[in-house]
């Protein structure tokens, strides 16, 4: 299992594959090498702790992850034959998006 920790929220656990896919998608939305490096580390370490990031970087990464989570969730929900694993993954992505909303919109 991988974990994403957002300040003021319970840590969110997700499958390693979901974490990899999410970070890969979010990485394409970022331009700063330092931001991409954080997501590369998060993928390798299977964890991301937002409270360790500076404010501006936290906001950029949260916005990218939120956008990636929303798009990934929409793809999963649009599958013609959704199974229990995909439903579970879509639910976690929805929870993550909600958790990141405040970080992505405030400094």
PDB file of N, CA and C in Angstrom:
ATOM      1  N   UNK A   1       0.826  -1.184   0.000  1.00  0.00           N
ATOM      2  CA  UNK A   1       0.000   0.000   0.000  1.00  0.00           C
ATOM      3  C   UNK A   1       0.875   1.255   0.000  1.00  0.00           C
ATOM      4  N   UNK A   2       0.364   2.292  -0.619  1.00  0.00           N
ATOM      5  CA  UNK A   2       1.019   3.598  -0.634  1.00  0.00           C
ATOM      6  C   UNK A   2       0.164   4.550   0.200  1.00  0.00           C
ATOM      7  N   UNK A   3       0.750   5.686   0.568  1.00  0.00           N
ATOM      8  CA  UNK A   3       0.014   6.635   1.407  1.00  0.00           C
ATOM      9  C   UNK A   3       0.259   8.067   0.938  1.00  0.00           C
ATOM     10  N   UNK A   4      -0.804   8.863   0.981  1.00  0.00           N
ATOM     11  CA  UNK A   4      -0.699  10.301   0.747  1.00  0.00           C
ATOM     12  C   UNK A   4      -1.260  10.975   1.988  1.00  0.00           C
ATOM     13  N   UNK A   5      -0.447  11.846   2.574  1.00  0.00           N
ATOM     14  CA  UNK A   5      -0.840  12.523   3.806  1.00  0.00           C
ATOM     15  C   UNK A   5      -1.043  14.012   3.542  1.00  0.00           C
ATOM     16  N   UNK A   6      -2.268  14.458   3.788  1.00  0.00           N
ATOM     17  CA  UNK A   6      -2.644  15.863   3.632  1.00  0.00           C
ATOM     18  C   UNK A   6      -2.844  16.429   5.031  1.00  0.00           C
ATOM     19  N   UNK A   7      -2.215  17.559   5.360  1.00  0.00           N
ATOM     20  CA  UNK A   7      -2.368  18.128   6.703  1.00  0.00           C
ATOM     21  C   UNK A   7      -3.845  18.312   7.092  1.00  0.00           C
ATOM     22  N   UNK A   8      -4.157  17.909   8.319  1.00  0.00           N
ATOM     23  CA  UNK A   8      -5.515  18.049   8.819  1.00  0.00           C
ATOM     24  C   UNK A   8      -6.462  16.946   8.382  1.00  0.00           C
ATOM     25  N   UNK A   9      -5.956  15.959   7.652  1.00  0.00           N
ATOM     26  CA  UNK A   9      -6.770  14.844   7.155  1.00  0.00           C
ATOM     27  C   UNK A   9      -6.127  13.526   7.581  1.00  0.00           C
ATOM     28  N   UNK A  10      -6.917  12.493   7.637  1.00  0.00           N
ATOM     29  CA  UNK A  10      -6.365  11.158   7.890  1.00  0.00           C
ATOM     30  C   UNK A  10      -5.557  10.746   6.658  1.00  0.00           C
ATOM     31  N   UNK A  11      -4.420  10.070   6.858  1.00  0.00           N
ATOM     32  CA  UNK A  11      -3.643   9.604   5.706  1.00  0.00           C
ATOM     33  C   UNK A  11      -4.506   8.722   4.797  1.00  0.00           C
ATOM     34  N   UNK A  12      -4.367   8.920   3.510  1.00  0.00           N
ATOM     35  CA  UNK A  12      -5.146   8.161   2.538  1.00  0.00           C
ATOM     36  C   UNK A  12      -4.287   7.028   1.995  1.00  0.00           C
ATOM     37  N   UNK A  13      -4.768   5.816   2.137  1.00  0.00           N
ATOM     38  CA  UNK A  13      -4.044   4.650   1.639  1.00  0.00           C
ATOM     39  C   UNK A  13      -4.598   4.270   0.268  1.00  0.00           C
ATOM     40  N   UNK A  14      -3.678   3.967  -0.639  1.00  0.00           N
ATOM     41  CA  UNK A  14      -4.082   3.544  -1.961  1.00  0.00           C
ATOM     42  C   UNK A  14      -3.117   2.493  -2.474  1.00  0.00           C
ATOM     43  N   UNK A  15      -3.541   1.784  -3.481  1.00  0.00           N
ATOM     44  CA  UNK A  15      -2.687   0.735  -4.049  1.00  0.00           C
ATOM     45  C   UNK A  15      -1.449   1.352  -4.690  1.00  0.00           C
ATOM     46  N   UNK A  16      -0.367   0.575  -4.669  1.00  0.00           N
ATOM     47  CA  UNK A  16       0.892   1.057  -5.248  1.00  0.00           C
ATOM     48  C   UNK A  16       0.711   1.414  -6.724  1.00  0.00           C
ATOM     49  N   UNK A  17      -0.018   0.580  -7.439  1.00  0.00           N
ATOM     50  CA  UNK A  17      -0.250   0.839  -8.863  1.00  0.00           C
ATOM     51  C   UNK A  17      -1.002   2.159  -9.058  1.00  0.00           C
ATOM     52  N   UNK A  18      -1.984   2.401  -8.213  1.00  0.00           N
ATOM     53  CA  UNK A  18      -2.760   3.640  -8.307  1.00  0.00           C
ATOM     54  C   UNK A  18      -1.869   4.844  -8.032  1.00  0.00           C
ATOM     55  N   UNK A  19      -0.994   4.722  -7.044  1.00  0.00           N
ATOM     56  CA  UNK A  19      -0.055   5.805  -6.707  1.00  0.00           C
ATOM     57  C   UNK A  19       0.868   6.092  -7.895  1.00  0.00           C
ATOM     58  N   UNK A  20       1.407   5.032  -8.492  1.00  0.00           N
ATOM     59  CA  UNK A  20       2.300   5.202  -9.652  1.00  0.00           C
ATOM     60  C   UNK A  20       1.574   5.898 -10.797  1.00  0.00           C
ATOM     61  N   UNK A  21       0.385   5.410 -11.111  1.00  0.00           N
ATOM     62  CA  UNK A  21      -0.387   5.977 -12.219  1.00  0.00           C
ATOM     63  C   UNK A  21      -0.742   7.438 -11.949  1.00  0.00           C
ATOM     64  N   UNK A  22      -1.152   7.714 -10.736  1.00  0.00           N
ATOM     65  CA  UNK A  22      -1.534   9.071 -10.351  1.00  0.00           C
ATOM     66  C   UNK A  22      -0.347  10.028 -10.450  1.00  0.00           C
ATOM     67  N   UNK A  23       0.794   9.629  -9.921  1.00  0.00           N
ATOM     68  CA  UNK A  23       1.991  10.484  -9.966  1.00  0.00           C
ATOM     69  C   UNK A  23       2.484  10.676 -11.399  1.00  0.00           C
ATOM     70  N   UNK A  24       2.403   9.638 -12.204  1.00  0.00           N
ATOM     71  CA  UNK A  24       2.812   9.736 -13.606  1.00  0.00           C
ATOM     72  C   UNK A  24       1.936  10.744 -14.348  1.00  0.00           C
ATOM     73  N   UNK A  25       0.636  10.664 -14.126  1.00  0.00           N
ATOM     74  CA  UNK A  25      -0.289  11.598 -14.777  1.00  0.00           C
ATOM     75  C   UNK A  25      -0.067  13.026 -14.283  1.00  0.00           C
ATOM     76  N   UNK A  26       0.094  13.185 -12.983  1.00  0.00           N
ATOM     77  CA  UNK A  26       0.298  14.523 -12.411  1.00  0.00           C
ATOM     78  C   UNK A  26       1.617  15.119 -12.886  1.00  0.00           C
ATOM     79  N   UNK A  27       2.627  14.282 -13.044  1.00  0.00           N
ATOM     80  CA  UNK A  27       3.949  14.740 -13.480  1.00  0.00           C
ATOM     81  C   UNK A  27       3.876  15.440 -14.834  1.00  0.00           C
ATOM     82  N   UNK A  28       2.991  14.985 -15.702  1.00  0.00           N
ATOM     83  CA  UNK A  28       2.874  15.600 -17.031  1.00  0.00           C
ATOM     84  C   UNK A  28       2.246  16.990 -16.963  1.00  0.00           C
ATOM     85  N   UNK A  29       1.608  17.310 -15.844  1.00  0.00           N
ATOM     86  CA  UNK A  29       0.957  18.613 -15.683  1.00  0.00           C
ATOM     87  C   UNK A  29       1.865  19.654 -15.042  1.00  0.00           C
ATOM     88  N   UNK A  30       3.008  19.212 -14.544  1.00  0.00           N
ATOM     89  CA  UNK A  30       3.940  20.106 -13.851  1.00  0.00           C
ATOM     90  C   UNK A  30       5.061  20.548 -14.774  1.00  0.00           C
ATOM     91  N   UNK A  31       5.588  21.744 -14.541  1.00  0.00           N
ATOM     92  CA  UNK A  31       6.693  22.236 -15.368  1.00  0.00           C
ATOM     93  C   UNK A  31       8.004  22.321 -14.598  1.00  0.00           C
ATOM     94  N   UNK A  32       7.945  22.552 -13.305  1.00  0.00           N
ATOM     95  CA  UNK A  32       9.170  22.715 -12.509  1.00  0.00           C
ATOM     96  C   UNK A  32       9.812  21.356 -12.228  1.00  0.00           C
ATOM     97  N   UNK A  33      11.109  21.276 -12.492  1.00  0.00           N
ATOM     98  CA  UNK A  33      11.838  20.033 -12.246  1.00  0.00           C
ATOM     99  C   UNK A  33      11.763  19.606 -10.784  1.00  0.00           C
ATOM    100  N   UNK A  34      11.794  20.567  -9.874  1.00  0.00           N
ATOM    101  CA  UNK A  34      11.730  20.240  -8.441  1.00  0.00           C
ATOM    102  C   UNK A  34      10.394  19.586  -8.091  1.00  0.00           C
ATOM    103  N   UNK A  35       9.318  20.031  -8.719  1.00  0.00           N
ATOM    104  CA  UNK A  35       7.999  19.440  -8.479  1.00  0.00           C
ATOM    105  C   UNK A  35       7.941  18.018  -9.030  1.00  0.00           C
ATOM    106  N   UNK A  36       8.478  17.846 -10.225  1.00  0.00           N
ATOM    107  CA  UNK A  36       8.501  16.514 -10.835  1.00  0.00           C
ATOM    108  C   UNK A  36       9.333  15.552  -9.997  1.00  0.00           C
ATOM    109  N   UNK A  37      10.425  16.066  -9.439  1.00  0.00           N
ATOM    110  CA  UNK A  37      11.285  15.246  -8.592  1.00  0.00           C
ATOM    111  C   UNK A  37      10.526  14.759  -7.355  1.00  0.00           C
ATOM    112  N   UNK A  38       9.728  15.634  -6.762  1.00  0.00           N
ATOM    113  CA  UNK A  38       8.935  15.247  -5.586  1.00  0.00           C
ATOM    114  C   UNK A  38       8.007  14.086  -5.944  1.00  0.00           C
ATOM    115  N   UNK A  39       7.361  14.159  -7.097  1.00  0.00           N
ATOM    116  CA  UNK A  39       6.457  13.077  -7.497  1.00  0.00           C
ATOM    117  C   UNK A  39       7.217  11.809  -7.858  1.00  0.00           C
ATOM    118  N   UNK A  40       8.409  11.949  -8.437  1.00  0.00           N
ATOM    119  CA  UNK A  40       9.240  10.772  -8.701  1.00  0.00           C
ATOM    120  C   UNK A  40       9.619  10.091  -7.388  1.00  0.00           C
ATOM    121  N   UNK A  41       9.986  10.898  -6.396  1.00  0.00           N
ATOM    122  CA  UNK A  41      10.309  10.352  -5.072  1.00  0.00           C
ATOM    123  C   UNK A  41       9.085   9.701  -4.440  1.00  0.00           C
ATOM    124  N   UNK A  42       7.947  10.346  -4.551  1.00  0.00           N
ATOM    125  CA  UNK A  42       6.714   9.802  -3.976  1.00  0.00           C
ATOM    126  C   UNK A  42       6.387   8.442  -4.587  1.00  0.00           C
ATOM    127  N   UNK A  43       6.610   8.322  -5.883  1.00  0.00           N
ATOM    128  CA  UNK A  43       6.370   7.050  -6.555  1.00  0.00           C
ATOM    129  C   UNK A  43       7.331   5.987  -6.031  1.00  0.00           C
ATOM    130  N   UNK A  44       8.601   6.330  -5.948  1.00  0.00           N
ATOM    131  CA  UNK A  44       9.610   5.370  -5.495  1.00  0.00           C
ATOM    132  C   UNK A  44       9.412   4.972  -4.033  1.00  0.00           C
ATOM    133  N   UNK A  45       9.073   5.939  -3.193  1.00  0.00           N
ATOM    134  CA  UNK A  45       8.931   5.679  -1.757  1.00  0.00           C
ATOM    135  C   UNK A  45       7.512   5.269  -1.369  1.00  0.00           C
ATOM    136  N   UNK A  46       6.606   5.313  -2.342  1.00  0.00           N
ATOM    137  CA  UNK A  46       5.206   4.945  -2.126  1.00  0.00           C
ATOM    138  C   UNK A  46       4.554   5.783  -1.036  1.00  0.00           C
ATOM    139  N   UNK A  47       4.952   7.054  -0.978  1.00  0.00           N
ATOM    140  CA  UNK A  47       4.359   7.960   0.014  1.00  0.00           C
ATOM    141  C   UNK A  47       4.611   9.409  -0.381  1.00  0.00           C
ATOM    142  N   UNK A  48       3.674  10.255   0.032  1.00  0.00           N
ATOM    143  CA  UNK A  48       3.798  11.689  -0.188  1.00  0.00           C
ATOM    144  C   UNK A  48       3.193  12.392   1.014  1.00  0.00           C
ATOM    145  N   UNK A  49       3.997  13.221   1.655  1.00  0.00           N
ATOM    146  CA  UNK A  49       3.570  13.951   2.844  1.00  0.00           C
ATOM    147  C   UNK A  49       3.580  15.442   2.517  1.00  0.00           C
ATOM    148  N   UNK A  50       2.415  16.016   2.347  1.00  0.00           N
ATOM    149  CA  UNK A  50       2.312  17.417   1.954  1.00  0.00           C
ATOM    150  C   UNK A  50       2.844  18.375   3.010  1.00  0.00           C
ATOM    151  N   UNK A  51       2.833  17.975   4.270  1.00  0.00           N
ATOM    152  CA  UNK A  51       3.314  18.879   5.318  1.00  0.00           C
ATOM    153  C   UNK A  51       4.817  19.110   5.256  1.00  0.00           C
ATOM    154  N   UNK A  52       5.531  18.335   4.457  1.00  0.00           N
ATOM    155  CA  UNK A  52       6.978  18.525   4.312  1.00  0.00           C
ATOM    156  C   UNK A  52       7.333  19.459   3.155  1.00  0.00           C
ATOM    157  N   UNK A  53       6.336  19.886   2.396  1.00  0.00           N
ATOM    158  CA  UNK A  53       6.590  20.709   1.207  1.00  0.00           C
ATOM    159  C   UNK A  53       6.365  22.189   1.496  1.00  0.00           C
ATOM    160  N   UNK A  54       7.181  23.061   0.874  1.00  0.00           N
ATOM    161  CA  UNK A  54       6.944  24.504   1.000  1.00  0.00           C
ATOM    162  C   UNK A  54       5.595  24.881   0.369  1.00  0.00           C
ATOM    163  N   UNK A  55       5.001  25.984   0.824  1.00  0.00           N
ATOM    164  CA  UNK A  55       3.661  26.398   0.417  1.00  0.00           C
ATOM    165  C   UNK A  55       3.386  26.435  -1.073  1.00  0.00           C
ATOM    166  N   UNK A  56       4.243  27.109  -1.855  1.00  0.00           N
ATOM    167  CA  UNK A  56       4.001  27.220  -3.295  1.00  0.00           C
ATOM    168  C   UNK A  56       4.087  25.863  -3.985  1.00  0.00           C
ATOM    169  N   UNK A  57       5.086  25.090  -3.608  1.00  0.00           N
ATOM    170  CA  UNK A  57       5.254  23.769  -4.197  1.00  0.00           C
ATOM    171  C   UNK A  57       4.086  22.860  -3.796  1.00  0.00           C
ATOM    172  N   UNK A  58       3.674  22.951  -2.562  1.00  0.00           N
ATOM    173  CA  UNK A  58       2.538  22.167  -2.066  1.00  0.00           C
ATOM    174  C   UNK A  58       1.298  22.456  -2.916  1.00  0.00           C
ATOM    175  N   UNK A  59       1.067  23.732  -3.202  1.00  0.00           N
ATOM    176  CA  UNK A  59      -0.104  24.133  -3.981  1.00  0.00           C
ATOM    177  C   UNK A  59      -0.042  23.586  -5.407  1.00  0.00           C
ATOM    178  N   UNK A  60       1.118  23.707  -6.044  1.00  0.00           N
ATOM    179  CA  UNK A  60       1.269  23.227  -7.427  1.00  0.00           C
ATOM    180  C   UNK A  60       1.073  21.716  -7.519  1.00  0.00           C
ATOM    181  N   UNK A  61       1.704  20.993  -6.607  1.00  0.00           N
ATOM    182  CA  UNK A  61       1.614  19.531  -6.640  1.00  0.00           C
ATOM    183  C   UNK A  61       0.200  19.079  -6.289  1.00  0.00           C
ATOM    184  N   UNK A  62      -0.425  19.726  -5.321  1.00  0.00           N
ATOM    185  CA  UNK A  62      -1.804  19.374  -4.962  1.00  0.00           C
ATOM    186  C   UNK A  62      -2.744  19.596  -6.145  1.00  0.00           C
ATOM    187  N   UNK A  63      -2.570  20.711  -6.849  1.00  0.00           N
ATOM    188  CA  UNK A  63      -3.424  21.006  -8.005  1.00  0.00           C
ATOM    189  C   UNK A  63      -3.224  19.968  -9.112  1.00  0.00           C
ATOM    190  N   UNK A  64      -1.976  19.594  -9.367  1.00  0.00           N
ATOM    191  CA  UNK A  64      -1.694  18.598 -10.401  1.00  0.00           C
ATOM    192  C   UNK A  64      -2.261  17.235 -10.016  1.00  0.00           C
ATOM    193  N   UNK A  65      -2.081  16.838  -8.762  1.00  0.00           N
ATOM    194  CA  UNK A  65      -2.615  15.553  -8.311  1.00  0.00           C
ATOM    195  C   UNK A  65      -4.142  15.551  -8.324  1.00  0.00           C
ATOM    196  N   UNK A  66      -4.745  16.658  -7.945  1.00  0.00           N
ATOM    197  CA  UNK A  66      -6.203  16.746  -7.949  1.00  0.00           C
ATOM    198  C   UNK A  66      -6.740  16.603  -9.374  1.00  0.00           C
ATOM    199  N   UNK A  67      -6.121  17.288 -10.305  1.00  0.00           N
ATOM    200  CA  UNK A  67      -6.533  17.206 -11.703  1.00  0.00           C
ATOM    201  C   UNK A  67      -6.339  15.787 -12.249  1.00  0.00           C
ATOM    202  N   UNK A  68      -5.195  15.184 -11.932  1.00  0.00           N
ATOM    203  CA  UNK A  68      -4.912  13.821 -12.381  1.00  0.00           C
ATOM    204  C   UNK A  68      -5.895  12.829 -11.759  1.00  0.00           C
ATOM    205  N   UNK A  69      -6.205  13.004 -10.486  1.00  0.00           N
ATOM    206  CA  UNK A  69      -7.146  12.111  -9.800  1.00  0.00           C
ATOM    207  C   UNK A  69      -8.541  12.220 -10.416  1.00  0.00           C
ATOM    208  N   UNK A  70      -8.966  13.439 -10.722  1.00  0.00           N
ATOM    209  CA  UNK A  70     -10.287  13.637 -11.330  1.00  0.00           C
ATOM    210  C   UNK A  70     -10.370  12.966 -12.703  1.00  0.00           C
ATOM    211  N   UNK A  71      -9.327  13.139 -13.512  1.00  0.00           N
ATOM    212  CA  UNK A  71      -9.317  12.547 -14.854  1.00  0.00           C
ATOM    213  C   UNK A  71      -9.258  11.020 -14.786  1.00  0.00           C
ATOM    214  N   UNK A  72      -8.410  10.499 -13.914  1.00  0.00           N
ATOM    215  CA  UNK A  72      -8.267   9.050 -13.751  1.00  0.00           C
ATOM    216  C   UNK A  72      -9.588   8.451 -13.258  1.00  0.00           C
ATOM    217  N   UNK A  73     -10.221   9.106 -12.302  1.00  0.00           N
ATOM    218  CA  UNK A  73     -11.501   8.638 -11.762  1.00  0.00           C
ATOM    219  C   UNK A  73     -12.562   8.622 -12.857  1.00  0.00           C
ATOM    220  N   UNK A  74     -12.612   9.669 -13.667  1.00  0.00           N
ATOM    221  CA  UNK A  74     -13.593   9.733 -14.760  1.00  0.00           C
ATOM    222  C   UNK A  74     -13.386   8.587 -15.748  1.00  0.00           C
ATOM    223  N   UNK A  75     -12.130   8.274 -16.044  1.00  0.00           N
ATOM    224  CA  UNK A  75     -11.836   7.153 -16.946  1.00  0.00           C
ATOM    225  C   UNK A  75     -12.329   5.838 -16.360  1.00  0.00           C
ATOM    226  N   UNK A  76     -12.077   5.629 -15.072  1.00  0.00           N
ATOM    227  CA  UNK A  76     -12.509   4.386 -14.429  1.00  0.00           C
ATOM    228  C   UNK A  76     -14.031   4.268 -14.416  1.00  0.00           C
ATOM    229  N   UNK A  77     -14.709   5.369 -14.135  1.00  0.00           N
ATOM    230  CA  UNK A  77     -16.170   5.339 -14.080  1.00  0.00           C
ATOM    231  C   UNK A  77     -16.799   5.187 -15.462  1.00  0.00           C
ATOM    232  N   UNK A  78     -16.059   5.533 -16.512  1.00  0.00           N
ATOM    233  CA  UNK A  78     -16.575   5.434 -17.878  1.00  0.00           C
ATOM    234  C   UNK A  78     -16.376   4.048 -18.492  1.00  0.00           C
ATOM    235  N   UNK A  79     -15.640   3.178 -17.810  1.00  0.00           N
ATOM    236  CA  UNK A  79     -15.419   1.832 -18.342  1.00  0.00           C
ATOM    237  C   UNK A  79     -16.752   1.097 -18.454  1.00  0.00           C
ATOM    238  N   UNK A  80     -16.940   0.361 -19.560  1.00  0.00           N
ATOM    239  CA  UNK A  80     -18.226  -0.312 -19.759  1.00  0.00           C
ATOM    240  C   UNK A  80     -18.512  -1.393 -18.708  1.00  0.00           C
ATOM    241  N   UNK A  81     -17.493  -2.113 -18.306  1.00  0.00           N
ATOM    242  CA  UNK A  81     -17.677  -3.173 -17.311  1.00  0.00           C
ATOM    243  C   UNK A  81     -16.807  -2.872 -16.106  1.00  0.00           C
ATOM    244  N   UNK A  82     -17.368  -2.133 -15.210  1.00  0.00           N
ATOM    245  CA  UNK A  82     -16.651  -1.718 -14.004  1.00  0.00           C
ATOM    246  C   UNK A  82     -16.702  -2.853 -12.978  1.00  0.00           C
ATOM    247  N   UNK A  83     -15.538  -3.253 -12.466  1.00  0.00           N
ATOM    248  CA  UNK A  83     -15.531  -4.286 -11.429  1.00  0.00           C
ATOM    249  C   UNK A  83     -15.309  -3.649 -10.059  1.00  0.00           C
ATOM    250  N   UNK A  84     -15.309  -4.469  -9.031  1.00  0.00           N
ATOM    251  CA  UNK A  84     -15.191  -3.966  -7.654  1.00  0.00           C
ATOM    252  C   UNK A  84     -13.871  -3.233  -7.433  1.00  0.00           C
ATOM    253  N   UNK A  85     -12.782  -3.723  -8.028  1.00  0.00           N
ATOM    254  CA  UNK A  85     -11.481  -3.062  -7.875  1.00  0.00           C
ATOM    255  C   UNK A  85     -11.498  -1.659  -8.475  1.00  0.00           C
ATOM    256  N   UNK A  86     -12.084  -1.535  -9.656  1.00  0.00           N
ATOM    257  CA  UNK A  86     -12.144  -0.226 -10.310  1.00  0.00           C
ATOM    258  C   UNK A  86     -13.051   0.732  -9.548  1.00  0.00           C
ATOM    259  N   UNK A  87     -14.160   0.231  -9.014  1.00  0.00           N
ATOM    260  CA  UNK A  87     -15.048   1.064  -8.198  1.00  0.00           C
ATOM    261  C   UNK A  87     -14.325   1.554  -6.955  1.00  0.00           C
ATOM    262  N   UNK A  88     -13.590   0.640  -6.317  1.00  0.00           N
ATOM    263  CA  UNK A  88     -12.828   0.988  -5.111  1.00  0.00           C
ATOM    264  C   UNK A  88     -11.768   2.039  -5.431  1.00  0.00           C
ATOM    265  N   UNK A  89     -11.069   1.851  -6.535  1.00  0.00           N
ATOM    266  CA  UNK A  89     -10.043   2.807  -6.951  1.00  0.00           C
ATOM    267  C   UNK A  89     -10.668   4.170  -7.249  1.00  0.00           C
ATOM    268  N   UNK A  90     -11.804   4.178  -7.914  1.00  0.00           N
ATOM    269  CA  UNK A  90     -12.494   5.434  -8.232  1.00  0.00           C
ATOM    270  C   UNK A  90     -12.928   6.157  -6.958  1.00  0.00           C
ATOM    271  N   UNK A  91     -13.383   5.409  -5.956  1.00  0.00           N
ATOM    272  CA  UNK A  91     -13.785   6.018  -4.683  1.00  0.00           C
ATOM    273  C   UNK A  91     -12.602   6.682  -3.987  1.00  0.00           C
ATOM    274  N   UNK A  92     -11.469   5.991  -3.962  1.00  0.00           N
ATOM    275  CA  UNK A  92     -10.267   6.543  -3.325  1.00  0.00           C
ATOM    276  C   UNK A  92      -9.811   7.800  -4.055  1.00  0.00           C
ATOM    277  N   UNK A  93      -9.863   7.775  -5.374  1.00  0.00           N
ATOM    278  CA  UNK A  93      -9.466   8.952  -6.151  1.00  0.00           C
ATOM    279  C   UNK A  93     -10.395  10.132  -5.885  1.00  0.00           C
ATOM    280  N   UNK A  94     -11.674   9.860  -5.704  1.00  0.00           N
ATOM    281  CA  UNK A  94     -12.619  10.914  -5.357  1.00  0.00           C
ATOM    282  C   UNK A  94     -12.323  11.510  -3.989  1.00  0.00           C
ATOM    283  N   UNK A  95     -12.010  10.639  -3.020  1.00  0.00           N
ATOM    284  CA  UNK A  95     -11.645  11.106  -1.675  1.00  0.00           C
ATOM    285  C   UNK A  95     -10.382  11.961  -1.726  1.00  0.00           C
ATOM    286  N   UNK A  96      -9.404  11.501  -2.503  1.00  0.00           N
ATOM    287  CA  UNK A  96      -8.150  12.242  -2.619  1.00  0.00           C
ATOM    288  C   UNK A  96      -8.389  13.623  -3.214  1.00  0.00           C
ATOM    289  N   UNK A  97      -9.175  13.679  -4.264  1.00  0.00           N
ATOM    290  CA  UNK A  97      -9.460  14.958  -4.909  1.00  0.00           C
ATOM    291  C   UNK A  97     -10.084  15.943  -3.924  1.00  0.00           C
ATOM    292  N   UNK A  98     -11.028  15.475  -3.133  1.00  0.00           N
ATOM    293  CA  UNK A  98     -11.654  16.339  -2.127  1.00  0.00           C
ATOM    294  C   UNK A  98     -10.648  16.786  -1.074  1.00  0.00           C
ATOM    295  N   UNK A  99      -9.772  15.878  -0.662  1.00  0.00           N
ATOM    296  CA  UNK A  99      -8.757  16.210   0.341  1.00  0.00           C
ATOM    297  C   UNK A  99      -7.784  17.266  -0.160  1.00  0.00           C
ATOM    298  N   UNK A 100      -7.484  17.223  -1.450  1.00  0.00           N
ATOM    299  CA  UNK A 100      -6.497  18.134  -2.025  1.00  0.00           C
ATOM    300  C   UNK A 100      -7.075  19.494  -2.402  1.00  0.00           C
ATOM    301  N   UNK A 101      -8.378  19.594  -2.443  1.00  0.00           N
ATOM    302  CA  UNK A 101      -9.020  20.822  -2.930  1.00  0.00           C
ATOM    303  C   UNK A 101      -8.563  22.066  -2.172  1.00  0.00           C
ATOM    304  N   UNK A 102      -8.521  22.000  -0.861  1.00  0.00           N
ATOM    305  CA  UNK A 102      -8.112  23.172  -0.078  1.00  0.00           C
ATOM    306  C   UNK A 102      -6.645  23.520  -0.316  1.00  0.00           C
ATOM    307  N   UNK A 103      -5.781  22.504  -0.364  1.00  0.00           N
ATOM    308  CA  UNK A 103      -4.358  22.764  -0.611  1.00  0.00           C
ATOM    309  C   UNK A 103      -4.132  23.386  -1.983  1.00  0.00           C
ATOM    310  N   UNK A 104      -4.885  22.920  -2.964  1.00  0.00           N
ATOM    311  CA  UNK A 104      -4.695  23.378  -4.341  1.00  0.00           C
ATOM    312  C   UNK A 104      -5.181  24.803  -4.560  1.00  0.00           C
ATOM    313  N   UNK A 105      -6.051  25.277  -3.686  1.00  0.00           N
ATOM    314  CA  UNK A 105      -6.631  26.601  -3.909  1.00  0.00           C
ATOM    315  C   UNK A 105      -6.145  27.663  -2.930  1.00  0.00           C
ATOM    316  N   UNK A 106      -5.349  27.271  -1.932  1.00  0.00           N
ATOM    317  CA  UNK A 106      -4.805  28.242  -0.977  1.00  0.00           C
ATOM    318  C   UNK A 106      -3.290  28.155  -0.960  1.00  0.00           C
ATOM    319  N   UNK A 107      -2.654  29.213  -0.540  1.00  0.00           N
ATOM    320  CA  UNK A 107      -1.185  29.229  -0.498  1.00  0.00           C
ATOM    321  C   UNK A 107      -0.659  28.557   0.735  1.00  0.00           C
TER     322      UNK A 107
END
